[in-house]
Amino acid sequence: MGLLVEGKWQDRWYDTVKSGGRFVRSQSQWRDWITLDGVPAPGRERGFKAEPGRYHLYVSLACPWAHRTLIFRALKKLEDVISVSVVHHFMGENGWTFKAEDGATGDALYGLDFLHQIYTRADPAYSGRVTVPVLWDKQQQTIVNNESSEIIRMLNSAFDEWGDASVDFYPEPLRAEIDALNEEIYPAVNNGVYRAGFATTQEAYEEAYGEVFAMLDRLEDRLSRQRYLTGQRITEADWRLFTTLVRFDPVYVGHFKCNRQRIADYPNLSNYVRDLYQVPGVAGTVNLHHIKAHYYGSHKTINPTGIVPLGPKVDYAAPHDRARFG
């Protein structure tokens, strides 16, 4: 995991010394918005108009943040509206690469070798982490946004003229509840597993570990009374949680030492994950080979040998009981 400094690539891991061993995630820097008329959204500087065929997603099948965007692209029926390039699952000294093998597509637009070249194509003097997903504008030859939580909001509504307008994962009556859930779940679970896995002191690890399982316990209780996080309707909050939960047993239990219990040990959470996985179109976005190969193979500070475990056996297509809620 490296970064760019004034457009120059540096292979540099996260520095946790100043933070007391705690992993601190960098903020996404590209935060513009696609709108129906192309007028800049409130508080944004640049304008991007929603048009079919104009935008491109750079994603990793291993990354939970990028996974969110693939789910929205699939469920909103935008596969023919927004094109995609998939990076290779191994992230080494050059960061994410476009090596076209083992399910990776290569760079479909420019034939580049590394994702950091996409960032410097947009800004030759860019400084910061090089992450996925990236929403790219083919017309202006630049990055629109690299913050997954904002990209999925755009995919949810900006392209309804060409996608499935009947699907809305951020409905007006539930927005306050969805936002509140996201605010609680993101630091404790979505980012919490990384805070545990990338911690470099016992104190920092135990702090994150405690927050992960305290929140999972609360979610288990919540899902004992209703089918989805806000009730009977799947929303953005469910998909944001799903991409972490689907990786939990295959990776986070062992690799990130989040091993108090598995999702399989939570009756409601485990059935909930299977329920979401079985929504038509979602299974095709889940690639457990890329997920396991990336984490175990790329994080040499955690797993120096790069050995990828063969287990655990997970079957997200197995029957679930969530229909009991109607």
C-alpha atoms as a PDB file:
ATOM      1  CA  MET A   1       0.000   0.000   0.000  1.00  0.00           C
ATOM      2  CA  GLY A   2       1.782   3.081  -1.233  1.00  0.00           C
ATOM      3  CA  LEU A   3       0.952   6.654  -2.057  1.00  0.00           C
ATOM      4  CA  LEU A   4       1.771   9.492  -4.395  1.00  0.00           C
ATOM      5  CA  VAL A   5       3.771  12.510  -3.234  1.00  0.00           C
ATOM      6  CA  GLU A   6       3.543  15.379  -5.718  1.00  0.00           C
ATOM      7  CA  GLY A   7       2.905  12.864  -8.462  1.00  0.00           C
ATOM      8  CA  LYS A   8       5.745  10.509  -7.520  1.00  0.00           C
ATOM      9  CA  TRP A   9       4.919   6.989  -6.372  1.00  0.00           C
ATOM     10  CA  GLN A  10       6.273   5.828  -3.022  1.00  0.00           C
ATOM     11  CA  ASP A  11       5.870   2.339  -1.580  1.00  0.00           C
ATOM     12  CA  ARG A  12       5.021   3.352   1.967  1.00  0.00           C
ATOM     13  CA  TRP A  13       2.841   1.524   4.511  1.00  0.00           C
ATOM     14  CA  TYR A  14       0.669   3.349   7.011  1.00  0.00           C
ATOM     15  CA  ASP A  15       2.580   5.139   9.763  1.00  0.00           C
ATOM     16  CA  THR A  16       0.955   4.286  13.111  1.00  0.00           C
ATOM     17  CA  VAL A  17       3.724   5.627  15.361  1.00  0.00           C
ATOM     18  CA  LYS A  18       2.202   9.084  15.815  1.00  0.00           C
ATOM     19  CA  SER A  19      -1.269   7.635  16.422  1.00  0.00           C
ATOM     20  CA  GLY A  20      -0.319   5.310  19.265  1.00  0.00           C
ATOM     21  CA  GLY A  21      -0.492   2.205  17.120  1.00  0.00           C
ATOM     22  CA  ARG A  22      -3.918   3.092  15.742  1.00  0.00           C
ATOM     23  CA  PHE A  23      -4.758   2.837  12.073  1.00  0.00           C
ATOM     24  CA  VAL A  24      -6.091   6.157  10.776  1.00  0.00           C
ATOM     25  CA  ARG A  25      -7.708   6.020   7.359  1.00  0.00           C
ATOM     26  CA  SER A  26      -6.978   8.848   4.931  1.00  0.00           C
ATOM     27  CA  GLN A  27      -9.894  10.939   3.682  1.00  0.00           C
ATOM     28  CA  SER A  28     -10.875  10.638   0.032  1.00  0.00           C
ATOM     29  CA  GLN A  29      -9.858  13.770  -1.872  1.00  0.00           C
ATOM     30  CA  TRP A  30     -11.897  13.644  -5.082  1.00  0.00           C
ATOM     31  CA  ARG A  31     -15.420  14.622  -4.063  1.00  0.00           C
ATOM     32  CA  ASP A  32     -17.271  16.031  -7.057  1.00  0.00           C
ATOM     33  CA  TRP A  33     -20.756  14.933  -8.032  1.00  0.00           C
ATOM     34  CA  ILE A  34     -22.650  13.828 -11.129  1.00  0.00           C
ATOM     35  CA  THR A  35     -25.932  15.693 -11.571  1.00  0.00           C
ATOM     36  CA  LEU A  36     -28.745  15.470 -14.073  1.00  0.00           C
ATOM     37  CA  ASP A  37     -28.031  18.886 -15.594  1.00  0.00           C
ATOM     38  CA  GLY A  38     -24.265  18.983 -15.076  1.00  0.00           C
ATOM     39  CA  VAL A  39     -24.441  21.963 -12.716  1.00  0.00           C
ATOM     40  CA  PRO A  40     -22.041  21.548  -9.772  1.00  0.00           C
ATOM     41  CA  ALA A  41     -23.770  20.119  -6.715  1.00  0.00           C
ATOM     42  CA  PRO A  42     -23.972  22.366  -3.628  1.00  0.00           C
ATOM     43  CA  GLY A  43     -20.530  22.760  -2.113  1.00  0.00           C
ATOM     44  CA  ARG A  44     -18.789  21.112  -5.081  1.00  0.00           C
ATOM     45  CA  GLU A  45     -16.505  22.857  -7.539  1.00  0.00           C
ATOM     46  CA  ARG A  46     -16.845  20.987 -10.810  1.00  0.00           C
ATOM     47  CA  GLY A  47     -19.909  19.974 -12.780  1.00  0.00           C
ATOM     48  CA  PHE A  48     -20.479  16.537 -14.338  1.00  0.00           C
ATOM     49  CA  LYS A  49     -23.613  15.692 -16.294  1.00  0.00           C
ATOM     50  CA  ALA A  50     -25.235  12.277 -16.090  1.00  0.00           C
ATOM     51  CA  GLU A  51     -24.888  10.627 -19.497  1.00  0.00           C
ATOM     52  CA  PRO A  52     -24.768   6.971 -20.568  1.00  0.00           C
ATOM     53  CA  GLY A  53     -21.348   5.722 -21.641  1.00  0.00           C
ATOM     54  CA  ARG A  54     -19.477   8.716 -20.251  1.00  0.00           C
ATOM     55  CA  TYR A  55     -18.281   7.291 -16.929  1.00  0.00           C
ATOM     56  CA  HIS A  56     -16.027   4.434 -15.932  1.00  0.00           C
ATOM     57  CA  LEU A  57     -15.425   2.660 -12.621  1.00  0.00           C
ATOM     58  CA  TYR A  58     -12.056   1.377 -11.497  1.00  0.00           C
ATOM     59  CA  VAL A  59     -12.607  -1.296  -8.847  1.00  0.00           C
ATOM     60  CA  SER A  60     -11.057  -4.172  -6.972  1.00  0.00           C
ATOM     61  CA  LEU A  61     -13.159  -7.297  -6.407  1.00  0.00           C
ATOM     62  CA  ALA A  62     -11.353  -7.687  -3.078  1.00  0.00           C
ATOM     63  CA  CYS A  63     -12.137  -4.241  -1.686  1.00  0.00           C
ATOM     64  CA  PRO A  64     -15.348  -3.805   0.335  1.00  0.00           C
ATOM     65  CA  TRP A  65     -15.593  -0.130  -0.576  1.00  0.00           C
ATOM     66  CA  ALA A  66     -15.377  -0.846  -4.313  1.00  0.00           C
ATOM     67  CA  HIS A  67     -17.762  -3.776  -3.850  1.00  0.00           C
ATOM     68  CA  ARG A  68     -20.490  -1.351  -2.808  1.00  0.00           C
ATOM     69  CA  THR A  69     -20.327   0.367  -6.184  1.00  0.00           C
ATOM     70  CA  LEU A  70     -20.498  -2.913  -8.106  1.00  0.00           C
ATOM     71  CA  ILE A  71     -23.621  -3.923  -6.193  1.00  0.00           C
ATOM     72  CA  PHE A  72     -25.345  -0.622  -6.970  1.00  0.00           C
ATOM     73  CA  ARG A  73     -24.257  -0.797 -10.616  1.00  0.00           C
ATOM     74  CA  ALA A  74     -25.758  -4.302 -10.870  1.00  0.00           C
ATOM     75  CA  LEU A  75     -29.000  -3.700  -8.986  1.00  0.00           C
ATOM     76  CA  LYS A  76     -29.687  -0.377 -10.696  1.00  0.00           C
ATOM     77  CA  LYS A  77     -29.167  -2.090 -14.096  1.00  0.00           C
ATOM     78  CA  LEU A  78     -26.303   0.202 -15.080  1.00  0.00           C
ATOM     79  CA  GLU A  79     -23.924  -2.381 -16.574  1.00  0.00           C
ATOM     80  CA  ASP A  80     -24.436  -0.923 -20.069  1.00  0.00           C
ATOM     81  CA  VAL A  81     -24.331   2.666 -18.790  1.00  0.00           C
ATOM     82  CA  ILE A  82     -21.113   2.679 -16.753  1.00  0.00           C
ATOM     83  CA  SER A  83     -18.106   0.604 -17.824  1.00  0.00           C
ATOM     84  CA  VAL A  84     -15.661  -1.082 -15.430  1.00  0.00           C
ATOM     85  CA  SER A  85     -11.996  -2.032 -15.104  1.00  0.00           C
ATOM     86  CA  VAL A  86     -10.973  -4.549 -12.431  1.00  0.00           C
ATOM     87  CA  VAL A  87      -7.503  -4.325 -10.900  1.00  0.00           C
ATOM     88  CA  HIS A  88      -5.473  -7.408  -9.996  1.00  0.00           C
ATOM     89  CA  HIS A  89      -5.989  -8.827  -6.522  1.00  0.00           C
ATOM     90  CA  PHE A  90      -2.300  -8.614  -5.572  1.00  0.00           C
ATOM     91  CA  MET A  91      -1.246  -5.205  -4.327  1.00  0.00           C
ATOM     92  CA  GLY A  92       2.549  -5.033  -4.047  1.00  0.00           C
ATOM     93  CA  GLU A  93       5.248  -2.400  -4.269  1.00  0.00           C
ATOM     94  CA  ASN A  94       3.450  -0.581  -7.076  1.00  0.00           C
ATOM     95  CA  GLY A  95       0.037  -0.617  -5.415  1.00  0.00           C
ATOM     96  CA  TRP A  96      -2.992  -1.744  -7.408  1.00  0.00           C
ATOM     97  CA  THR A  97      -1.958  -2.995 -10.835  1.00  0.00           C
ATOM     98  CA  PHE A  98      -3.710  -3.631 -14.131  1.00  0.00           C
ATOM     99  CA  LYS A  99      -2.137  -7.032 -14.656  1.00  0.00           C
ATOM    100  CA  ALA A 100      -4.780  -8.720 -16.816  1.00  0.00           C
ATOM    101  CA  GLU A 101      -5.049 -12.210 -15.412  1.00  0.00           C
ATOM    102  CA  ASP A 102      -6.960 -14.293 -12.856  1.00  0.00           C
ATOM    103  CA  GLY A 103     -10.156 -12.302 -13.243  1.00  0.00           C
ATOM    104  CA  ALA A 104      -8.551  -8.865 -13.554  1.00  0.00           C
ATOM    105  CA  THR A 105      -9.412  -6.994 -16.745  1.00  0.00           C
ATOM    106  CA  GLY A 106      -6.492  -4.625 -17.219  1.00  0.00           C
ATOM    107  CA  ASP A 107      -7.069  -0.932 -17.866  1.00  0.00           C
ATOM    108  CA  ALA A 108      -9.842  -0.878 -20.457  1.00  0.00           C
ATOM    109  CA  LEU A 109      -9.408   2.820 -21.238  1.00  0.00           C
ATOM    110  CA  TYR A 110      -5.699   3.571 -21.562  1.00  0.00           C
ATOM    111  CA  GLY A 111      -3.805   0.308 -21.201  1.00  0.00           C
ATOM    112  CA  LEU A 112      -1.886   1.621 -18.188  1.00  0.00           C
ATOM    113  CA  ASP A 113       0.053  -0.603 -15.812  1.00  0.00           C
ATOM    114  CA  PHE A 114      -0.813   0.850 -12.408  1.00  0.00           C
ATOM    115  CA  LEU A 115      -3.789   2.560 -10.820  1.00  0.00           C
ATOM    116  CA  HIS A 116      -1.596   5.390  -9.558  1.00  0.00           C
ATOM    117  CA  GLN A 117      -1.143   6.384 -13.230  1.00  0.00           C
ATOM    118  CA  ILE A 118      -4.879   7.081 -13.386  1.00  0.00           C
ATOM    119  CA  TYR A 119      -4.519   9.460 -10.452  1.00  0.00           C
ATOM    120  CA  THR A 120      -1.606  11.331 -12.031  1.00  0.00           C
ATOM    121  CA  ARG A 121      -3.443  11.426 -15.352  1.00  0.00           C
ATOM    122  CA  ALA A 122      -6.093  13.449 -13.536  1.00  0.00           C
ATOM    123  CA  ASP A 123      -3.575  15.476 -11.502  1.00  0.00           C
ATOM    124  CA  PRO A 124       0.168  15.169 -12.256  1.00  0.00           C
ATOM    125  CA  ALA A 125       0.969  16.709  -8.863  1.00  0.00           C
ATOM    126  CA  TYR A 126      -1.449  14.613  -6.781  1.00  0.00           C
ATOM    127  CA  SER A 127      -0.389  13.703  -3.239  1.00  0.00           C
ATOM    128  CA  GLY A 128      -2.263  11.040  -1.305  1.00  0.00           C
ATOM    129  CA  ARG A 129      -3.283   7.409  -1.145  1.00  0.00           C
ATOM    130  CA  VAL A 130      -4.268   5.608  -4.338  1.00  0.00           C
ATOM    131  CA  THR A 131      -7.491   3.775  -3.584  1.00  0.00           C
ATOM    132  CA  VAL A 132     -10.486   2.133  -5.218  1.00  0.00           C
ATOM    133  CA  PRO A 133     -13.176   2.750  -6.255  1.00  0.00           C
ATOM    134  CA  VAL A 134     -12.495   5.537  -8.737  1.00  0.00           C
ATOM    135  CA  LEU A 135     -15.299   7.092 -10.762  1.00  0.00           C
ATOM    136  CA  TRP A 136     -13.701   8.430 -13.947  1.00  0.00           C
ATOM    137  CA  ASP A 137     -15.081  10.842 -16.545  1.00  0.00           C
ATOM    138  CA  LYS A 138     -13.987   9.762 -20.026  1.00  0.00           C
ATOM    139  CA  GLN A 139     -15.061  13.100 -21.506  1.00  0.00           C
ATOM    140  CA  GLN A 140     -13.087  15.414 -19.232  1.00  0.00           C
ATOM    141  CA  GLN A 141     -10.360  12.795 -18.655  1.00  0.00           C
ATOM    142  CA  THR A 142     -10.422  13.162 -14.905  1.00  0.00           C
ATOM    143  CA  ILE A 143     -11.508  11.611 -11.629  1.00  0.00           C
ATOM    144  CA  VAL A 144     -14.977  12.658 -10.512  1.00  0.00           C
ATOM    145  CA  ASN A 145     -14.976  10.968  -7.122  1.00  0.00           C
ATOM    146  CA  ASN A 146     -13.095   8.300  -5.163  1.00  0.00           C
ATOM    147  CA  GLU A 147     -15.336   8.137  -2.089  1.00  0.00           C
ATOM    148  CA  SER A 148     -17.510   5.009  -2.260  1.00  0.00           C
ATOM    149  CA  SER A 149     -20.261   6.354  -0.012  1.00  0.00           C
ATOM    150  CA  GLU A 150     -20.821   9.212  -2.450  1.00  0.00           C
ATOM    151  CA  ILE A 151     -20.429   7.138  -5.611  1.00  0.00           C
ATOM    152  CA  ILE A 152     -23.231   4.793  -4.532  1.00  0.00           C
ATOM    153  CA  ARG A 153     -25.497   7.778  -3.893  1.00  0.00           C
ATOM    154  CA  MET A 154     -24.846   8.946  -7.446  1.00  0.00           C
ATOM    155  CA  LEU A 155     -25.486   5.485  -8.869  1.00  0.00           C
ATOM    156  CA  ASN A 156     -28.691   5.303  -6.848  1.00  0.00           C
ATOM    157  CA  SER A 157     -30.351   8.248  -8.564  1.00  0.00           C
ATOM    158  CA  ALA A 158     -28.312  10.172 -11.153  1.00  0.00           C
ATOM    159  CA  PHE A 159     -28.686   7.581 -13.919  1.00  0.00           C
ATOM    160  CA  ASP A 160     -32.349   6.608 -13.421  1.00  0.00           C
ATOM    161  CA  GLU A 161     -33.176   7.683 -16.991  1.00  0.00           C
ATOM    162  CA  TRP A 162     -31.105   4.736 -18.283  1.00  0.00           C
ATOM    163  CA  GLY A 163     -31.220   2.299 -15.354  1.00  0.00           C
ATOM    164  CA  ASP A 164     -33.903   0.917 -13.058  1.00  0.00           C
ATOM    165  CA  ALA A 165     -35.620   3.937 -11.533  1.00  0.00           C
ATOM    166  CA  SER A 166     -37.924   1.702  -9.476  1.00  0.00           C
ATOM    167  CA  VAL A 167     -34.997   0.696  -7.231  1.00  0.00           C
ATOM    168  CA  ASP A 168     -34.184   3.267  -4.555  1.00  0.00           C
ATOM    169  CA  PHE A 169     -31.785   2.407  -1.739  1.00  0.00           C
ATOM    170  CA  TYR A 170     -31.905   5.900  -0.198  1.00  0.00           C
ATOM    171  CA  PRO A 171     -35.646   6.678   0.023  1.00  0.00           C
ATOM    172  CA  GLU A 172     -36.592  10.067   1.428  1.00  0.00           C
ATOM    173  CA  PRO A 173     -38.635   8.801   4.425  1.00  0.00           C
ATOM    174  CA  LEU A 174     -35.733   6.635   5.664  1.00  0.00           C
ATOM    175  CA  ARG A 175     -32.785   8.948   5.019  1.00  0.00           C
ATOM    176  CA  ALA A 176     -32.334  10.127   8.587  1.00  0.00           C
ATOM    177  CA  GLU A 177     -32.376   6.546   9.878  1.00  0.00           C
ATOM    178  CA  ILE A 178     -30.009   5.358   7.135  1.00  0.00           C
ATOM    179  CA  ASP A 179     -27.575   8.183   7.871  1.00  0.00           C
ATOM    180  CA  ALA A 180     -27.653   7.418  11.588  1.00  0.00           C
ATOM    181  CA  LEU A 181     -27.000   3.725  10.986  1.00  0.00           C
ATOM    182  CA  ASN A 182     -24.096   4.493   8.660  1.00  0.00           C
ATOM    183  CA  GLU A 183     -22.587   6.834  11.256  1.00  0.00           C
ATOM    184  CA  GLU A 184     -22.615   4.059  13.856  1.00  0.00           C
ATOM    185  CA  ILE A 185     -21.646   1.087  11.699  1.00  0.00           C
ATOM    186  CA  TYR A 186     -18.837   2.618   9.654  1.00  0.00           C
ATOM    187  CA  PRO A 187     -16.311   3.349  12.451  1.00  0.00           C
ATOM    188  CA  ALA A 188     -17.164   0.283  14.517  1.00  0.00           C
ATOM    189  CA  VAL A 189     -17.497  -2.414  11.829  1.00  0.00           C
ATOM    190  CA  ASN A 190     -16.647  -1.305   8.271  1.00  0.00           C
ATOM    191  CA  ASN A 191     -13.491   0.499   9.361  1.00  0.00           C
ATOM    192  CA  GLY A 192     -13.322  -1.250  12.719  1.00  0.00           C
ATOM    193  CA  VAL A 193     -11.992  -4.488  11.258  1.00  0.00           C
ATOM    194  CA  TYR A 194      -9.172  -2.528   9.616  1.00  0.00           C
ATOM    195  CA  ARG A 195      -8.477  -0.677  12.850  1.00  0.00           C
ATOM    196  CA  ALA A 196      -8.070  -4.059  14.541  1.00  0.00           C
ATOM    197  CA  GLY A 197      -6.096  -5.675  11.730  1.00  0.00           C
ATOM    198  CA  PHE A 198      -3.706  -2.784  11.088  1.00  0.00           C
ATOM    199  CA  ALA A 199      -3.160  -1.884  14.757  1.00  0.00           C
ATOM    200  CA  THR A 200       0.459  -2.005  15.883  1.00  0.00           C
ATOM    201  CA  THR A 201      -0.078  -1.923  19.648  1.00  0.00           C
ATOM    202  CA  GLN A 202      -2.072  -4.249  21.878  1.00  0.00           C
ATOM    203  CA  GLU A 203      -4.070  -1.334  23.266  1.00  0.00           C
ATOM    204  CA  ALA A 204      -5.100  -0.101  19.832  1.00  0.00           C
ATOM    205  CA  TYR A 205      -6.038  -3.607  18.719  1.00  0.00           C
ATOM    206  CA  GLU A 206      -8.155  -4.335  21.799  1.00  0.00           C
ATOM    207  CA  GLU A 207      -9.915  -0.988  21.497  1.00  0.00           C
ATOM    208  CA  ALA A 208     -10.958  -1.684  17.901  1.00  0.00           C
ATOM    209  CA  TYR A 209     -11.750  -5.350  18.601  1.00  0.00           C
ATOM    210  CA  GLY A 210     -14.113  -4.356  21.401  1.00  0.00           C
ATOM    211  CA  GLU A 211     -15.956  -1.878  19.189  1.00  0.00           C
ATOM    212  CA  VAL A 212     -16.329  -4.395  16.347  1.00  0.00           C
ATOM    213  CA  PHE A 213     -18.040  -6.992  18.495  1.00  0.00           C
ATOM    214  CA  ALA A 214     -20.071  -4.546  20.563  1.00  0.00           C
ATOM    215  CA  MET A 215     -21.629  -3.300  17.327  1.00  0.00           C
ATOM    216  CA  LEU A 216     -22.083  -6.792  15.883  1.00  0.00           C
ATOM    217  CA  ASP A 217     -23.925  -7.766  19.074  1.00  0.00           C
ATOM    218  CA  ARG A 218     -26.216  -4.749  18.665  1.00  0.00           C
ATOM    219  CA  LEU A 219     -26.850  -5.568  15.013  1.00  0.00           C
ATOM    220  CA  GLU A 220     -27.608  -9.184  15.871  1.00  0.00           C
ATOM    221  CA  ASP A 221     -30.228  -7.977  18.329  1.00  0.00           C
ATOM    222  CA  ARG A 222     -31.681  -5.475  15.855  1.00  0.00           C
ATOM    223  CA  LEU A 223     -31.974  -8.138  13.158  1.00  0.00           C
ATOM    224  CA  SER A 224     -33.752 -10.491  15.549  1.00  0.00           C
ATOM    225  CA  ARG A 225     -36.786  -8.180  15.252  1.00  0.00           C
ATOM    226  CA  GLN A 226     -36.774  -7.134  11.590  1.00  0.00           C
ATOM    227  CA  ARG A 227     -35.555  -8.400   8.246  1.00  0.00           C
ATOM    228  CA  TYR A 228     -33.301  -5.465   7.288  1.00  0.00           C
ATOM    229  CA  LEU A 229     -31.620  -2.636   9.164  1.00  0.00           C
ATOM    230  CA  THR A 230     -34.478  -0.169   8.687  1.00  0.00           C
ATOM    231  CA  GLY A 231     -37.282  -2.727   8.695  1.00  0.00           C
ATOM    232  CA  GLN A 232     -38.779  -4.492   5.709  1.00  0.00           C
ATOM    233  CA  ARG A 233     -36.934  -2.638   2.946  1.00  0.00           C
ATOM    234  CA  ILE A 234     -33.353  -3.103   1.752  1.00  0.00           C
ATOM    235  CA  THR A 235     -31.486   0.190   1.861  1.00  0.00           C
ATOM    236  CA  GLU A 236     -28.031   1.606   1.339  1.00  0.00           C
ATOM    237  CA  ALA A 237     -27.237   0.823   4.991  1.00  0.00           C
ATOM    238  CA  ASP A 238     -27.688  -2.900   4.337  1.00  0.00           C
ATOM    239  CA  TRP A 239     -25.363  -2.954   1.331  1.00  0.00           C
ATOM    240  CA  ARG A 240     -22.690  -0.970   3.167  1.00  0.00           C
ATOM    241  CA  LEU A 241     -22.777  -3.514   5.997  1.00  0.00           C
ATOM    242  CA  PHE A 242     -23.028  -6.526   3.679  1.00  0.00           C
ATOM    243  CA  THR A 243     -19.691  -5.955   1.959  1.00  0.00           C
ATOM    244  CA  THR A 244     -17.925  -6.169   5.327  1.00  0.00           C
ATOM    245  CA  LEU A 245     -19.923  -9.113   6.656  1.00  0.00           C
ATOM    246  CA  VAL A 246     -19.380 -11.208   3.522  1.00  0.00           C
ATOM    247  CA  ARG A 247     -15.605 -10.867   4.068  1.00  0.00           C
ATOM    248  CA  PHE A 248     -15.683 -11.392   7.809  1.00  0.00           C
ATOM    249  CA  ASP A 249     -15.395 -15.159   8.146  1.00  0.00           C
ATOM    250  CA  PRO A 250     -13.136 -15.721   5.094  1.00  0.00           C
ATOM    251  CA  VAL A 251     -10.678 -12.945   6.067  1.00  0.00           C
ATOM    252  CA  TYR A 252     -11.280 -10.713   9.075  1.00  0.00           C
ATOM    253  CA  VAL A 253     -11.626 -13.498  11.665  1.00  0.00           C
ATOM    254  CA  GLY A 254      -8.122 -14.809  10.989  1.00  0.00           C
ATOM    255  CA  HIS A 255      -6.184 -12.171   9.100  1.00  0.00           C
ATOM    256  CA  PHE A 256      -7.392  -9.192  11.156  1.00  0.00           C
ATOM    257  CA  LYS A 257      -7.652 -11.127  14.436  1.00  0.00           C
ATOM    258  CA  CYS A 258     -11.372 -10.400  14.833  1.00  0.00           C
ATOM    259  CA  ASN A 259     -11.852 -13.853  16.264  1.00  0.00           C
ATOM    260  CA  ARG A 260     -14.196 -13.623  19.244  1.00  0.00           C
ATOM    261  CA  GLN A 261     -16.739 -15.314  17.007  1.00  0.00           C
ATOM    262  CA  ARG A 262     -17.619 -15.697  13.348  1.00  0.00           C
ATOM    263  CA  ILE A 263     -20.621 -14.246  11.552  1.00  0.00           C
ATOM    264  CA  ALA A 264     -21.654 -17.896  11.209  1.00  0.00           C
ATOM    265  CA  ASP A 265     -22.004 -17.935  15.009  1.00  0.00           C
ATOM    266  CA  TYR A 266     -24.603 -15.157  14.937  1.00  0.00           C
ATOM    267  CA  PRO A 267     -27.964 -16.703  13.908  1.00  0.00           C
ATOM    268  CA  ASN A 268     -29.542 -13.487  12.649  1.00  0.00           C
ATOM    269  CA  LEU A 269     -26.476 -11.888  11.042  1.00  0.00           C
ATOM    270  CA  SER A 270     -25.531 -15.075   9.217  1.00  0.00           C
ATOM    271  CA  ASN A 271     -29.038 -15.544   7.813  1.00  0.00           C
ATOM    272  CA  TYR A 272     -29.133 -11.840   6.924  1.00  0.00           C
ATOM    273  CA  VAL A 273     -25.902 -12.127   4.909  1.00  0.00           C
ATOM    274  CA  ARG A 274     -27.287 -15.084   2.974  1.00  0.00           C
ATOM    275  CA  ASP A 275     -30.538 -13.204   2.358  1.00  0.00           C
ATOM    276  CA  LEU A 276     -28.685 -10.251   0.822  1.00  0.00           C
ATOM    277  CA  TYR A 277     -26.272 -12.455  -1.117  1.00  0.00           C
ATOM    278  CA  GLN A 278     -29.240 -14.179  -2.743  1.00  0.00           C
ATOM    279  CA  VAL A 279     -30.775 -10.961  -4.072  1.00  0.00           C
ATOM    280  CA  PRO A 280     -30.604 -11.472  -7.865  1.00  0.00           C
ATOM    281  CA  GLY A 281     -27.443  -9.876  -9.261  1.00  0.00           C
ATOM    282  CA  VAL A 282     -25.487  -9.725  -6.007  1.00  0.00           C
ATOM    283  CA  ALA A 283     -23.737 -13.114  -6.058  1.00  0.00           C
ATOM    284  CA  GLY A 284     -21.998 -12.153  -9.290  1.00  0.00           C
ATOM    285  CA  THR A 285     -20.305  -9.238  -7.509  1.00  0.00           C
ATOM    286  CA  VAL A 286     -18.783 -11.455  -4.774  1.00  0.00           C
ATOM    287  CA  ASN A 287     -15.410 -12.997  -5.632  1.00  0.00           C
ATOM    288  CA  LEU A 288     -14.019 -14.916  -2.653  1.00  0.00           C
ATOM    289  CA  HIS A 289     -10.873 -15.861  -4.571  1.00  0.00           C
ATOM    290  CA  HIS A 290      -9.927 -12.208  -5.087  1.00  0.00           C
ATOM    291  CA  ILE A 291     -10.932 -11.367  -1.516  1.00  0.00           C
ATOM    292  CA  LYS A 292      -8.759 -14.020   0.134  1.00  0.00           C
ATOM    293  CA  ALA A 293      -5.866 -13.749  -2.324  1.00  0.00           C
ATOM    294  CA  HIS A 294      -5.660  -9.996  -1.856  1.00  0.00           C
ATOM    295  CA  TYR A 295      -5.705  -9.761   1.919  1.00  0.00           C
ATOM    296  CA  TYR A 296      -3.513 -12.755   2.694  1.00  0.00           C
ATOM    297  CA  GLY A 297      -1.208 -12.219  -0.267  1.00  0.00           C
ATOM    298  CA  SER A 298      -0.749  -8.441  -0.191  1.00  0.00           C
ATOM    299  CA  HIS A 299      -0.415  -7.524   3.488  1.00  0.00           C
ATOM    300  CA  LYS A 300       3.152  -8.635   4.134  1.00  0.00           C
ATOM    301  CA  THR A 301       3.335  -6.775   7.445  1.00  0.00           C
ATOM    302  CA  ILE A 302       0.553  -9.048   8.724  1.00  0.00           C
ATOM    303  CA  ASN A 303       1.138 -12.257   6.751  1.00  0.00           C
ATOM    304  CA  PRO A 304       4.801 -12.275   5.618  1.00  0.00           C
ATOM    305  CA  THR A 305       4.619 -15.689   3.941  1.00  0.00           C
ATOM    306  CA  GLY A 306       1.718 -14.731   1.712  1.00  0.00           C
ATOM    307  CA  ILE A 307       0.116 -18.130   2.273  1.00  0.00           C
ATOM    308  CA  VAL A 308      -3.629 -18.044   1.562  1.00  0.00           C
ATOM    309  CA  PRO A 309      -5.636 -20.380   3.822  1.00  0.00           C
ATOM    310  CA  LEU A 310      -7.872 -22.903   2.119  1.00  0.00           C
ATOM    311  CA  GLY A 311     -10.735 -22.446   4.563  1.00  0.00           C
ATOM    312  CA  PRO A 312     -13.158 -21.656   5.930  1.00  0.00           C
ATOM    313  CA  LYS A 313     -15.989 -23.291   4.052  1.00  0.00           C
ATOM    314  CA  VAL A 314     -18.753 -20.754   3.520  1.00  0.00           C
ATOM    315  CA  ASP A 315     -21.989 -21.216   1.593  1.00  0.00           C
ATOM    316  CA  TYR A 316     -23.813 -17.946   1.114  1.00  0.00           C
ATOM    317  CA  ALA A 317     -26.252 -19.673  -1.244  1.00  0.00           C
ATOM    318  CA  ALA A 318     -27.583 -21.917   1.538  1.00  0.00           C
ATOM    319  CA  PRO A 319     -31.195 -21.365   2.681  1.00  0.00           C
ATOM    320  CA  HIS A 320     -31.943 -18.549   5.113  1.00  0.00           C
ATOM    321  CA  ASP A 321     -34.816 -17.851   7.480  1.00  0.00           C
ATOM    322  CA  ARG A 322     -35.328 -14.130   6.930  1.00  0.00           C
ATOM    323  CA  ALA A 323     -38.638 -14.606   5.125  1.00  0.00           C
ATOM    324  CA  ARG A 324     -40.160 -15.186   8.573  1.00  0.00           C
ATOM    325  CA  PHE A 325     -40.450 -11.406   8.803  1.00  0.00           C
ATOM    326  CA  GLY A 326     -42.598 -11.286   5.691  1.00  0.00           C
END
